[in-house]
Amino acid sequence: MVATTSTTLANGLTFEQNLTVPQPRLWSPETPVLYTASSKLYAGKALKDAYKTTFGIRSFKFEKGTGFSLNGQVRKFKGVCNHHDLGPLGAAINTAALRRQLTLLKDLGCDAIRTSHNMPAPELVALCDEMGLMLMVESFDEWKAPKVKNGYSQYFDEWAEKDLVNMVHHYRNNASVIMWSIGNEVPDQSNANGPIIAKRLQDIVHREDPTRPVTMGLDRFDDDFKYGIAGVLDIPGFNYKPHRYAEALAKLPQGFLLGSETASTVSSREVYKFPVVKAKQQQYSDNQSSSYDLEACSWSQTPDEEFAAQDDTPNVMGEFVWTGFDYLGEPTPYDEKWPSHSSYFGILDLAGMPKDRYYLYRARWNTAKPTLHILPHWTWPGREGQTTPVFAYTNYPSAELFVNGKSQGRQTKGPSDQPQSRYRLMWNDVKYAPGSIKVVAYDAQGKAAATEEVRTAGAPHHIKLVADRTALMADGKDLAFITARVEDAQGNLCPDATQSLSFAVSGTGSFRAIANGDATNLESFQKPQMRAFQGQLVAIVQAGGKAGAMQVKASGTGLQAGSVTLQTKAR
């Protein structure tokens, strides 16, 4: 398909657009096909300006009785909320770091992002277009009623329409943008002006972009229906209300709803607490949260509770989990306990390393690839003979656990009054004995399909470096993320290793930043050394401006050094 249009403007200039779409194909998360429109401005025959617009072709609907469909296929959002910071790199945008985040989310099976709670960086939206992630682009965290003394409420009357129009104009040509959000947990839900403001903002969005619906994150369920704001929105979005989805659907004229912010489960990577119990606002003396994924906040839930509500309630169109990655600030449940200074909510930690929860979501969301993950680690000196539950996160229907070769029985996922029993396999009465735990997963036909084994680690012996990429662009900007693992002589991760690791970078690159995922760690992100947390950390290196080889070496007291070589290549 080839189209050319030419328009003579009132000032005598000529505006020309050229569009070439060979064999048009639809954009979707699975096939993010993009095209380019070329626009040129002429004065006579002299070219004065030129601009290229990237776009995709797709259709979607939100329908009563059906929910959300993209290109004619009904689907649920498998989304995450993300803050804007990039962990140890800070808030300044970095395209390479964003690409890594999106790559990890795609492997998770995530297909959508909510920009919480602000207009996104253009680089993020362009990457979502390219890589195939749908976007809920969000505007405000505050309307007229203030949350804090110096918040946006003092500017709302003068700036709300200007800012909203700017946001919509900037991103309305992006294929990844599926819906607009006009607010998050605004206190105006609880007064009669709330629905009036919501309708005004929604009308502005419809005026500027009639092709996409409007939503927001509602967290005051009773007031949302008492004052009527839930009925105003194109898409009613509810934060942390899975237990009231059925009640909401019975009242909503739209006939569907969205989990606009869900879960807020808290955990620290590879940290496990005993006894293993479901808890809210649980605190420990080390300011960590258990990675058994059973701890949440006073207002929030475990992933399984949201899964069950999504599965049991028709016309719930999916969810946006709080959050994809840990971020700087909001260290709930340790908001008032120093030195905690980054969140515990992430499916991945501040360094971008997956927590156990990553595999619980992956087992549900990534249907194209097998998932089998077992927890906890199996290095527990002093716990011999004590109850140490073992969980498996898998998209296979059943699995059998072996402790030092002895079967602990087979578990099968299925209907249950307890949500956890529907989505994870649990052996709650296992007694710890050094050696190994092995899980064998079985497919629907009962055949062994996958195996995972974790062994008790010996003394820390060496550092192993694993780079997410071995070839970088020699543009002075590209990044590689290198995971450093403290291992024993047999290559087992040492989960209790806390040695300080130092990095040296030579050749065609330089050290950029470092993080270990510990929300209590106060070591500098900018210095090339940091202690390992649960045996691991991530160092970030940056390509220089010349092609060649970059060598990265890590050393630590009493450990054999590790090294890796990366190549930087000219465009």
Protein backbone atom coordinates (compact mmCIF):
# COMPACT_ATOMS: atom_id res chain seq x y z
CA MET A 1 0.00 0.00 0.00
CA VAL A 2 1.46 3.37 -1.08
CA ALA A 3 -0.20 6.71 -0.36
CA THR A 4 0.93 10.29 -1.04
CA THR A 5 -0.99 13.41 -0.04
CA SER A 6 -0.15 17.04 -0.79
CA THR A 7 -1.86 20.01 0.87
CA THR A 8 -1.38 23.72 0.18
CA LEU A 9 -1.52 25.64 3.45
CA ALA A 10 -2.99 29.12 3.93
CA ASN A 11 0.48 30.66 4.09
CA GLY A 12 1.40 29.26 0.70
CA LEU A 13 3.55 26.43 2.03
CA THR A 14 2.99 22.90 0.78
CA PHE A 15 2.68 19.97 3.16
CA GLU A 16 3.42 16.54 1.67
CA GLN A 17 3.03 13.12 3.29
CA ASN A 18 4.33 9.84 1.94
CA LEU A 19 3.23 6.53 3.39
CA THR A 20 4.47 3.16 2.22
CA VAL A 21 3.09 0.01 3.85
CA PRO A 22 4.04 -3.13 1.89
CA GLN A 23 1.62 -5.95 2.71
CA PRO A 24 0.24 -4.34 5.90
CA ARG A 25 0.47 -6.50 9.02
CA LEU A 26 -1.08 -5.85 12.40
CA TRP A 27 0.90 -4.67 15.43
CA SER A 28 0.60 -6.79 18.56
CA PRO A 29 2.79 -7.80 21.50
CA GLU A 30 3.59 -11.01 19.63
CA THR A 31 4.34 -9.27 16.29
CA PRO A 32 5.26 -5.61 16.85
CA VAL A 33 5.27 -4.59 13.17
CA LEU A 34 6.01 -0.87 12.61
CA TYR A 35 5.83 1.46 9.63
CA THR A 36 7.00 5.01 8.93
CA ALA A 37 5.13 8.03 7.58
CA SER A 38 7.34 10.74 6.03
CA SER A 39 6.11 14.36 6.24
CA LYS A 40 7.77 17.24 4.33
CA LEU A 41 7.14 20.96 4.28
CA TYR A 42 7.96 22.92 1.09
CA ALA A 43 8.12 26.59 0.17
CA GLY A 44 7.78 26.30 -3.57
CA LYS A 45 10.24 23.55 -4.41
CA ALA A 46 12.49 24.26 -1.43
CA LEU A 47 12.30 21.67 1.37
CA LYS A 48 12.00 23.54 4.67
CA ASP A 49 11.37 20.72 7.14
CA ALA A 50 10.96 16.96 7.26
CA TYR A 51 9.67 14.63 9.95
CA LYS A 52 9.22 10.88 10.22
CA THR A 53 6.48 9.30 12.32
CA THR A 54 6.68 5.65 13.33
CA PHE A 55 3.32 3.93 13.74
CA GLY A 56 1.66 0.53 13.88
CA ILE A 57 -1.66 -0.82 12.62
CA ARG A 58 -3.92 -2.58 15.10
CA SER A 59 -7.49 -2.65 16.34
CA PHE A 60 -8.85 -3.19 19.82
CA LYS A 61 -12.17 -3.14 21.64
CA PHE A 62 -13.47 -2.99 25.18
CA GLU A 63 -16.91 -4.59 25.16
CA LYS A 64 -19.51 -5.49 27.74
CA GLY A 65 -19.66 -9.23 28.11
CA THR A 66 -16.34 -9.73 26.31
CA GLY A 67 -13.77 -7.43 27.87
CA PHE A 68 -10.63 -6.51 25.98
CA SER A 69 -9.78 -7.81 22.52
CA LEU A 70 -6.78 -6.95 20.35
CA ASN A 71 -6.96 -7.59 16.61
CA GLY A 72 -10.10 -9.64 17.21
CA GLN A 73 -8.57 -11.88 19.90
CA VAL A 74 -9.88 -11.67 23.47
CA ARG A 75 -7.04 -11.41 25.99
CA LYS A 76 -6.25 -10.25 29.51
CA PHE A 77 -3.58 -7.71 30.38
CA LYS A 78 -0.50 -9.31 31.93
CA GLY A 79 0.90 -6.01 33.07
CA VAL A 80 3.17 -4.36 35.60
CA CYS A 81 3.38 -0.87 37.04
CA ASN A 82 6.83 0.68 36.80
CA HIS A 83 8.39 3.72 38.41
CA HIS A 84 10.67 5.82 36.24
CA ASP A 85 14.01 5.22 37.96
CA LEU A 86 16.57 2.70 36.71
CA GLY A 87 17.87 1.54 40.07
CA PRO A 88 21.61 2.21 40.47
CA LEU A 89 21.60 4.41 37.34
CA GLY A 90 19.11 6.82 38.89
CA ALA A 91 16.29 8.73 37.21
CA ALA A 92 18.08 9.98 34.08
CA ILE A 93 16.85 8.09 31.04
CA ASN A 94 19.05 5.41 29.51
CA THR A 95 17.78 3.52 26.47
CA ALA A 96 20.06 0.50 26.95
CA ALA A 97 18.91 0.07 30.55
CA LEU A 98 15.26 0.44 29.53
CA ARG A 99 15.72 -2.17 26.82
CA ARG A 100 17.14 -4.59 29.39
CA GLN A 101 14.14 -4.02 31.66
CA LEU A 102 11.69 -4.67 28.83
CA THR A 103 13.61 -7.76 27.71
CA LEU A 104 13.32 -9.23 31.20
CA LEU A 105 9.63 -8.36 31.35
CA LYS A 106 8.99 -9.97 27.97
CA ASP A 107 10.63 -13.21 29.15
CA LEU A 108 8.36 -13.02 32.19
CA GLY A 109 5.39 -13.07 29.80
CA CYS A 110 4.46 -9.48 30.64
CA ASP A 111 2.64 -7.73 27.77
CA ALA A 112 1.75 -4.33 29.24
CA ILE A 113 3.13 -1.50 31.38
CA ARG A 114 1.39 1.18 33.38
CA THR A 115 3.51 4.33 33.64
CA SER A 116 3.09 4.98 37.32
CA HIS A 117 2.20 7.73 38.00
CA ASN A 118 3.49 10.11 35.39
CA MET A 119 3.90 10.80 31.71
CA PRO A 120 6.56 8.44 30.35
CA ALA A 121 9.88 9.16 28.71
CA PRO A 122 9.64 9.10 24.88
CA GLU A 123 12.39 6.48 24.82
CA LEU A 124 10.22 4.08 26.83
CA VAL A 125 7.23 4.47 24.52
CA ALA A 126 9.38 4.01 21.41
CA LEU A 127 10.86 0.82 22.85
CA CYS A 128 7.39 -0.50 23.71
CA ASP A 129 6.35 0.15 20.09
CA GLU A 130 9.41 -1.71 18.85
CA MET A 131 9.41 -4.63 21.30
CA GLY A 132 5.68 -5.17 21.60
CA LEU A 133 4.44 -4.04 25.03
CA MET A 134 1.10 -2.34 25.46
CA LEU A 135 0.98 0.85 27.50
CA MET A 136 -1.40 2.51 29.91
CA VAL A 137 -0.05 6.07 29.84
CA GLU A 138 -0.84 7.80 33.13
CA SER A 139 -1.04 11.48 33.93
CA PHE A 140 -1.79 12.55 37.51
CA ASP A 141 -1.26 11.28 41.03
CA GLU A 142 -3.19 14.22 42.49
CA TRP A 143 -6.16 16.38 41.43
CA LYS A 144 -7.68 19.23 43.45
CA ALA A 145 -7.70 17.46 46.83
CA PRO A 146 -4.10 17.38 48.09
CA LYS A 147 -2.18 14.29 49.20
CA VAL A 148 0.84 16.31 50.32
CA LYS A 149 1.47 19.97 51.09
CA ASN A 150 3.38 20.83 47.91
CA GLY A 151 1.69 18.45 45.50
CA TYR A 152 0.15 18.96 42.05
CA SER A 153 -3.18 20.10 43.56
CA GLN A 154 -1.87 23.68 43.81
CA TYR A 155 -1.35 23.70 40.02
CA PHE A 156 -4.31 21.56 38.96
CA ASP A 157 -6.78 24.26 37.91
CA GLU A 158 -4.25 26.11 35.76
CA TRP A 159 -2.26 23.21 34.33
CA ALA A 160 -4.36 20.02 34.25
CA GLU A 161 -5.80 20.54 30.77
CA LYS A 162 -2.50 21.80 29.32
CA ASP A 163 -0.57 18.85 30.72
CA LEU A 164 -3.18 16.31 29.65
CA VAL A 165 -3.36 17.68 26.09
CA ASN A 166 0.44 17.68 25.88
CA MET A 167 0.57 14.03 26.97
CA VAL A 168 -2.08 12.87 24.51
CA HIS A 169 -0.62 14.84 21.60
CA HIS A 170 2.84 13.47 22.27
CA TYR A 171 1.88 9.78 22.31
CA ARG A 172 -1.32 9.38 20.31
CA ASN A 173 0.59 8.10 17.25
CA ASN A 174 2.29 5.32 19.22
CA ALA A 175 0.92 1.85 18.54
CA SER A 176 1.79 0.60 22.01
CA VAL A 177 -0.53 3.07 23.73
CA ILE A 178 -3.83 1.27 24.38
CA MET A 179 -5.43 3.48 27.03
CA TRP A 180 -4.97 6.72 28.94
CA SER A 181 -5.11 7.06 32.73
CA ILE A 182 -6.29 10.33 34.24
CA GLY A 183 -5.28 9.65 37.81
CA ASN A 184 -4.17 7.35 40.59
CA GLU A 185 -5.72 7.02 44.05
CA VAL A 186 -6.80 10.66 44.08
CA PRO A 187 -8.61 11.77 47.26
CA ASP A 188 -11.28 13.42 45.06
CA GLN A 189 -12.89 9.97 44.81
CA SER A 190 -14.44 10.76 48.19
CA ASN A 191 -16.44 13.85 47.31
CA ALA A 192 -19.17 14.87 44.89
CA ASN A 193 -16.73 16.82 42.72
CA GLY A 194 -14.75 13.67 41.90
CA PRO A 195 -17.06 12.38 39.14
CA ILE A 196 -17.34 15.91 37.70
CA ILE A 197 -13.55 16.28 37.46
CA ALA A 198 -13.19 12.78 36.06
CA LYS A 199 -15.73 13.46 33.32
CA ARG A 200 -14.04 16.75 32.43
CA LEU A 201 -10.62 15.10 32.15
CA GLN A 202 -12.04 12.15 30.22
CA ASP A 203 -13.83 14.51 27.82
CA ILE A 204 -10.55 16.34 27.18
CA VAL A 205 -8.84 13.06 26.32
CA HIS A 206 -11.73 12.02 24.04
CA ARG A 207 -11.55 15.38 22.29
CA GLU A 208 -7.84 15.02 21.60
CA ASP A 209 -7.91 11.27 20.89
CA PRO A 210 -11.30 9.66 20.24
CA THR A 211 -9.66 6.29 19.45
CA ARG A 212 -8.62 5.21 22.96
CA PRO A 213 -10.51 4.73 26.25
CA VAL A 214 -9.81 6.34 29.61
CA THR A 215 -9.21 4.68 32.97
CA MET A 216 -7.78 5.52 36.40
CA GLY A 217 -6.66 3.73 39.55
CA LEU A 218 -9.49 3.70 42.11
CA ASP A 219 -8.71 2.68 45.68
CA ARG A 220 -11.74 3.91 47.68
CA PHE A 221 -14.24 1.24 46.69
CA ASP A 222 -17.27 2.33 48.71
CA ASP A 223 -16.85 6.02 47.84
CA ASP A 224 -16.27 5.13 44.19
CA PHE A 225 -19.87 3.93 44.03
CA LYS A 226 -21.34 6.29 46.63
CA TYR A 227 -20.26 9.37 44.68
CA GLY A 228 -20.34 7.69 41.27
CA ILE A 229 -16.83 8.06 39.86
CA ALA A 230 -16.59 4.35 38.96
CA GLY A 231 -19.55 4.68 36.59
CA VAL A 232 -18.06 7.67 34.75
CA LEU A 233 -14.92 6.02 33.41
CA ASP A 234 -14.60 4.17 30.11
CA ILE A 235 -12.66 1.50 31.99
CA PRO A 236 -13.15 1.21 35.76
CA GLY A 237 -9.75 0.41 37.26
CA PHE A 238 -9.51 -0.86 40.83
CA ASN A 239 -6.40 -0.97 43.00
CA TYR A 240 -6.11 -3.94 45.41
CA LYS A 241 -9.75 -5.03 45.36
CA PRO A 242 -9.82 -8.64 44.08
CA HIS A 243 -12.20 -9.68 46.86
CA ARG A 244 -14.76 -7.13 45.59
CA TYR A 245 -14.57 -7.67 41.83
CA ALA A 246 -17.86 -9.59 41.70
CA GLU A 247 -19.59 -6.89 43.73
CA ALA A 248 -18.23 -4.18 41.45
CA LEU A 249 -19.32 -5.95 38.26
CA ALA A 250 -22.84 -6.28 39.62
CA LYS A 251 -22.98 -2.47 39.95
CA LEU A 252 -20.98 -1.24 36.96
CA PRO A 253 -22.81 -0.20 33.78
CA GLN A 254 -19.66 -0.85 31.71
CA GLY A 255 -19.83 -4.61 32.31
CA PHE A 256 -16.09 -5.05 32.86
CA LEU A 257 -13.25 -3.83 35.06
CA LEU A 258 -9.46 -3.81 35.28
CA GLY A 259 -7.03 -4.61 38.07
CA SER A 260 -5.21 -1.31 37.63
CA GLU A 261 -2.81 -1.95 40.53
CA THR A 262 -2.47 -5.36 42.14
CA ALA A 263 -0.60 -7.56 44.61
CA SER A 264 2.09 -5.37 46.26
CA THR A 265 3.60 -8.55 47.64
CA VAL A 266 6.90 -7.81 49.38
CA SER A 267 10.05 -9.93 49.32
CA SER A 268 13.84 -9.76 49.41
CA ARG A 269 15.65 -11.86 46.83
CA GLU A 270 16.79 -15.25 48.22
CA VAL A 271 15.89 -14.29 51.84
CA TYR A 272 13.65 -16.83 53.59
CA LYS A 273 12.02 -16.56 57.00
CA PHE A 274 10.70 -19.27 59.31
CA PRO A 275 8.13 -20.38 60.20
CA VAL A 276 6.58 -19.97 56.76
CA VAL A 277 3.25 -18.22 57.31
CA LYS A 278 1.06 -15.80 55.41
CA ALA A 279 1.41 -12.34 56.94
CA LYS A 280 0.79 -8.64 56.42
CA GLN A 281 3.09 -5.77 57.44
CA GLN A 282 5.54 -8.36 58.77
CA GLN A 283 8.84 -6.92 59.97
CA TYR A 284 12.14 -8.56 60.93
CA SER A 285 15.22 -7.31 62.71
CA ASP A 286 17.28 -7.39 59.49
CA ASN A 287 14.76 -5.19 57.59
CA GLN A 288 14.17 -7.92 54.98
CA SER A 289 11.00 -9.66 53.76
CA SER A 290 10.61 -13.36 53.10
CA SER A 291 10.95 -14.70 49.57
CA TYR A 292 8.37 -17.42 50.19
CA ASP A 293 6.03 -14.82 48.63
CA LEU A 294 3.40 -14.93 51.36
CA GLU A 295 3.93 -11.45 52.81
CA ALA A 296 2.00 -8.38 51.70
CA CYS A 297 0.98 -4.95 52.98
CA SER A 298 -2.09 -4.08 55.03
CA TRP A 299 -3.93 -3.05 51.86
CA SER A 300 -2.55 -5.62 49.44
CA GLN A 301 -2.46 -9.31 48.55
CA THR A 302 -0.29 -12.21 47.43
CA PRO A 303 -0.12 -12.87 43.68
CA ASP A 304 -2.31 -15.97 44.04
CA GLU A 305 -5.25 -14.06 45.51
CA GLU A 306 -5.32 -11.82 42.44
CA PHE A 307 -4.91 -14.83 40.13
CA ALA A 308 -7.93 -16.53 41.71
CA ALA A 309 -10.11 -13.43 41.42
CA GLN A 310 -9.08 -12.99 37.78
CA ASP A 311 -9.91 -16.62 37.01
CA ASP A 312 -13.15 -16.80 38.99
CA THR A 313 -14.71 -13.49 37.94
CA PRO A 314 -15.75 -13.07 34.30
CA ASN A 315 -15.05 -9.74 32.60
CA VAL A 316 -12.01 -8.86 34.70
CA MET A 317 -9.61 -7.79 31.97
CA GLY A 318 -6.30 -8.56 33.62
CA GLU A 319 -3.95 -6.79 35.97
CA PHE A 320 -1.04 -4.40 36.43
CA VAL A 321 1.17 -5.69 39.26
CA TRP A 322 2.83 -3.31 41.69
CA THR A 323 5.67 -3.42 40.60
CA GLY A 324 7.81 -4.90 37.86
CA PHE A 325 11.08 -3.68 39.40
CA ASP A 326 12.07 -2.48 42.83
CA TYR A 327 12.59 1.28 42.86
CA LEU A 328 14.21 3.95 45.01
CA GLY A 329 11.94 5.06 47.85
CA GLU A 330 8.80 3.61 49.52
CA PRO A 331 10.51 0.80 51.49
CA THR A 332 7.24 -0.62 52.85
CA PRO A 333 6.92 -2.30 55.37
CA TYR A 334 10.05 -0.54 56.66
CA ASP A 335 9.02 3.04 55.81
CA GLU A 336 10.22 4.31 59.17
CA LYS A 337 13.12 1.92 59.76
CA TRP A 338 16.57 3.02 58.59
CA PRO A 339 18.50 2.00 56.54
CA SER A 340 15.76 0.65 54.22
CA HIS A 341 15.54 3.08 51.31
CA SER A 342 14.23 1.17 48.27
CA SER A 343 11.09 -0.84 47.70
CA TYR A 344 10.45 -4.54 48.30
CA PHE A 345 7.50 -4.75 45.87
CA GLY A 346 9.37 -5.65 42.68
CA ILE A 347 9.10 -8.92 40.81
CA LEU A 348 12.76 -8.12 40.07
CA ASP A 349 15.07 -6.42 42.54
CA LEU A 350 16.79 -3.03 42.26
CA ALA A 351 19.67 -4.61 40.33
CA GLY A 352 17.26 -6.27 37.91
CA MET A 353 17.79 -9.79 39.27
CA PRO A 354 14.64 -11.95 39.34
CA LYS A 355 13.16 -12.76 42.73
CA ASP A 356 11.41 -16.09 43.26
CA ARG A 357 8.12 -14.35 42.46
CA TYR A 358 9.35 -13.79 38.90
CA TYR A 359 8.84 -17.48 38.22
CA LEU A 360 5.40 -17.58 39.84
CA TYR A 361 4.25 -14.94 37.35
CA ARG A 362 6.21 -16.51 34.50
CA ALA A 363 4.52 -19.84 35.08
CA ARG A 364 1.17 -18.12 34.61
CA TRP A 365 2.03 -15.53 31.95
CA ASN A 366 4.64 -17.07 29.65
CA THR A 367 2.72 -19.89 28.02
CA ALA A 368 5.23 -20.22 25.17
CA LYS A 369 8.11 -21.48 27.34
CA PRO A 370 8.37 -24.04 30.15
CA THR A 371 8.93 -22.77 33.68
CA LEU A 372 10.21 -24.78 36.64
CA HIS A 373 11.72 -23.04 39.66
CA ILE A 374 12.21 -24.32 43.19
CA LEU A 375 12.80 -22.50 46.45
CA PRO A 376 14.37 -21.96 48.91
CA HIS A 377 18.11 -22.42 48.51
CA TRP A 378 19.39 -25.48 50.33
CA THR A 379 22.25 -24.14 52.44
CA TRP A 380 21.00 -23.91 56.03
CA PRO A 381 23.74 -24.71 58.56
CA GLY A 382 22.09 -25.05 61.96
CA ARG A 383 18.63 -25.95 60.61
CA GLU A 384 19.27 -29.68 60.39
CA GLY A 385 16.06 -31.57 61.17
CA GLN A 386 13.92 -28.42 61.22
CA THR A 387 10.87 -27.85 59.02
CA THR A 388 11.96 -26.07 55.84
CA PRO A 389 9.12 -25.93 53.28
CA VAL A 390 9.91 -26.34 49.58
CA PHE A 391 7.83 -24.63 46.85
CA ALA A 392 7.86 -25.14 43.09
CA TYR A 393 6.66 -22.51 40.62
CA THR A 394 5.88 -24.20 37.33
CA ASN A 395 3.47 -24.20 34.41
CA TYR A 396 3.43 -28.00 34.49
CA PRO A 397 0.39 -29.41 36.31
CA SER A 398 2.26 -31.59 38.83
CA ALA A 399 5.69 -32.33 40.24
CA GLU A 400 7.50 -34.65 42.64
CA LEU A 401 10.05 -33.54 45.22
CA PHE A 402 13.13 -35.55 46.17
CA VAL A 403 15.30 -34.71 49.18
CA ASN A 404 18.64 -36.46 48.91
CA GLY A 405 17.04 -38.91 46.50
CA LYS A 406 14.04 -39.75 48.70
CA SER A 407 10.62 -38.86 47.33
CA GLN A 408 8.51 -36.44 49.35
CA GLY A 409 5.47 -37.19 47.19
CA ARG A 410 3.85 -35.66 44.15
CA GLN A 411 1.81 -32.46 44.31
CA THR A 412 -0.80 -31.39 41.75
CA LYS A 413 -2.25 -27.95 41.12
CA GLY A 414 -6.02 -27.80 41.15
CA PRO A 415 -9.21 -26.31 42.63
CA SER A 416 -8.80 -25.30 46.25
CA ASP A 417 -10.19 -22.93 48.85
CA GLN A 418 -6.61 -21.71 49.35
CA PRO A 419 -5.40 -19.70 46.32
CA GLN A 420 -1.77 -20.72 46.88
CA SER A 421 -2.64 -24.38 46.30
CA ARG A 422 -4.05 -23.51 42.89
CA TYR A 423 -0.94 -21.84 41.50
CA ARG A 424 2.10 -23.25 43.31
CA LEU A 425 3.19 -26.69 44.42
CA MET A 426 4.12 -26.84 48.11
CA TRP A 427 5.75 -29.40 50.34
CA ASN A 428 5.23 -27.78 53.72
CA ASP A 429 6.61 -30.47 56.04
CA VAL A 430 10.10 -31.03 54.58
CA LYS A 431 12.88 -31.36 57.14
CA TYR A 432 16.22 -29.83 56.25
CA ALA A 433 19.15 -32.14 55.63
CA PRO A 434 22.27 -31.03 53.74
CA GLY A 435 22.58 -32.42 50.25
CA SER A 436 20.13 -31.63 47.50
CA ILE A 437 16.51 -31.01 46.66
CA LYS A 438 15.27 -32.01 43.22
CA VAL A 439 11.89 -31.43 41.62
CA VAL A 440 10.69 -33.48 38.65
CA ALA A 441 7.78 -31.87 36.79
CA TYR A 442 5.21 -33.91 34.89
CA ASP A 443 3.18 -32.86 31.86
CA ALA A 444 -0.57 -33.34 31.35
CA GLN A 445 0.04 -36.92 30.20
CA GLY A 446 1.96 -37.73 33.37
CA LYS A 447 5.35 -37.92 31.69
CA ALA A 448 8.47 -36.41 33.29
CA ALA A 449 9.09 -33.18 31.39
CA ALA A 450 11.57 -31.05 33.38
CA THR A 451 13.94 -31.25 36.34
CA GLU A 452 15.49 -28.67 38.64
CA GLU A 453 17.97 -29.40 41.42
CA VAL A 454 19.52 -27.21 44.12
CA ARG A 455 22.49 -28.42 46.17
CA THR A 456 23.90 -27.39 49.51
CA ALA A 457 26.80 -25.03 48.86
CA GLY A 458 30.29 -25.51 50.26
CA ALA A 459 32.77 -22.80 51.15
CA PRO A 460 32.97 -19.78 48.80
CA HIS A 461 35.64 -20.53 46.22
CA HIS A 462 35.45 -18.29 43.14
CA ILE A 463 33.58 -15.49 41.37
CA LYS A 464 31.65 -16.28 38.21
CA LEU A 465 30.73 -13.40 35.90
CA VAL A 466 27.73 -13.72 33.58
CA ALA A 467 27.06 -10.87 31.11
CA ASP A 468 23.58 -10.27 29.72
CA ARG A 469 25.27 -9.31 26.41
CA THR A 470 28.74 -9.92 25.01
CA ALA A 471 28.55 -7.48 22.06
CA LEU A 472 27.89 -3.75 22.54
CA MET A 473 27.67 -0.79 20.19
CA ALA A 474 30.75 1.44 20.37
CA ASP A 475 28.61 4.57 20.80
CA GLY A 476 29.67 5.69 24.26
CA LYS A 477 26.21 4.85 25.64
CA ASP A 478 25.52 1.13 25.35
CA LEU A 479 25.50 -0.93 28.54
CA ALA A 480 26.08 -4.50 29.63
CA PHE A 481 24.80 -5.86 32.95
CA ILE A 482 27.17 -8.38 34.51
CA THR A 483 25.94 -10.66 37.27
CA ALA A 484 28.65 -11.69 39.73
CA ARG A 485 28.03 -14.99 41.53
CA VAL A 486 30.05 -16.22 44.50
CA GLU A 487 30.23 -19.99 43.98
CA ASP A 488 31.78 -22.99 45.70
CA ALA A 489 34.34 -25.22 43.99
CA GLN A 490 31.54 -27.24 42.31
CA GLY A 491 29.79 -24.18 40.88
CA ASN A 492 26.95 -23.95 43.41
CA LEU A 493 25.82 -20.45 44.38
CA CYS A 494 26.79 -19.59 47.95
CA PRO A 495 23.62 -17.87 49.21
CA ASP A 496 25.17 -16.71 52.47
CA ALA A 497 28.23 -15.12 50.84
CA THR A 498 28.68 -11.44 51.74
CA GLN A 499 32.22 -10.75 50.55
CA SER A 500 32.99 -7.36 49.07
CA LEU A 501 33.71 -7.66 45.35
CA SER A 502 35.85 -5.16 43.43
CA PHE A 503 35.67 -4.56 39.68
CA ALA A 504 38.28 -3.40 37.18
CA VAL A 505 37.35 -2.53 33.59
CA SER A 506 39.93 -2.12 30.83
CA GLY A 507 39.91 -1.80 27.07
CA THR A 508 37.09 -0.18 25.12
CA GLY A 509 34.72 0.50 27.99
CA SER A 510 34.35 1.73 31.55
CA PHE A 511 32.62 0.98 34.83
CA ARG A 512 29.24 2.70 35.20
CA ALA A 513 27.33 1.50 38.31
CA ILE A 514 26.71 -1.39 40.70
CA ALA A 515 23.87 -2.80 42.83
CA ASN A 516 23.17 -5.91 44.88
CA GLY A 517 19.39 -5.70 45.32
CA ASP A 518 19.53 -5.19 49.09
CA ALA A 519 17.09 -2.47 50.14
CA THR A 520 19.21 -1.76 53.24
CA ASN A 521 22.56 -1.42 51.45
CA LEU A 522 24.12 2.03 51.78
CA GLU A 523 27.22 1.47 49.64
CA SER A 524 27.66 3.80 46.68
CA PHE A 525 26.16 2.79 43.34
CA GLN A 526 28.98 4.68 41.62
CA LYS A 527 32.06 3.02 43.15
CA PRO A 528 33.36 -0.23 41.58
CA GLN A 529 33.01 -2.34 44.69
CA MET A 530 30.14 -3.66 46.78
CA ARG A 531 29.41 -6.59 49.06
CA ALA A 532 27.47 -9.52 47.63
CA PHE A 533 23.87 -9.91 48.80
CA GLN A 534 22.74 -13.53 49.03
CA GLY A 535 25.85 -14.39 47.02
CA GLN A 536 25.22 -12.09 44.05
CA LEU A 537 25.36 -8.56 42.68
CA VAL A 538 25.22 -6.80 39.30
CA ALA A 539 27.89 -4.51 37.84
CA ILE A 540 27.05 -2.25 34.89
CA VAL A 541 29.71 -1.39 32.31
CA GLN A 542 29.50 1.11 29.45
CA ALA A 543 30.91 0.92 25.95
CA GLY A 544 33.36 3.56 24.80
CA GLY A 545 33.48 5.21 21.41
CA LYS A 546 35.87 2.77 19.74
CA ALA A 547 35.48 -0.79 18.52
CA GLY A 548 37.49 -3.46 20.29
CA ALA A 549 37.53 -5.61 23.40
CA MET A 550 36.51 -4.70 26.94
CA GLN A 551 37.77 -6.81 29.84
CA VAL A 552 35.89 -6.94 33.13
CA LYS A 553 37.51 -8.52 36.19
CA ALA A 554 36.03 -9.09 39.64
CA SER A 555 38.04 -9.95 42.73
CA GLY A 556 37.33 -10.56 46.40
CA THR A 557 39.28 -11.60 49.47
CA GLY A 558 39.75 -15.36 49.57
CA LEU A 559 38.11 -15.91 46.18
CA GLN A 560 39.47 -16.82 42.78
CA ALA A 561 38.88 -13.81 40.52
CA GLY A 562 36.36 -13.92 37.71
CA SER A 563 36.59 -12.26 34.32
CA VAL A 564 34.63 -11.79 31.13
CA THR A 565 35.46 -10.17 27.79
CA LEU A 566 32.95 -8.11 25.82
CA GLN A 567 33.25 -6.80 22.27
CA THR A 568 32.36 -3.26 21.27
CA LYS A 569 31.44 -2.85 17.61
CA ALA A 570 31.07 0.16 15.36
CA ARG A 571 27.71 0.70 13.68
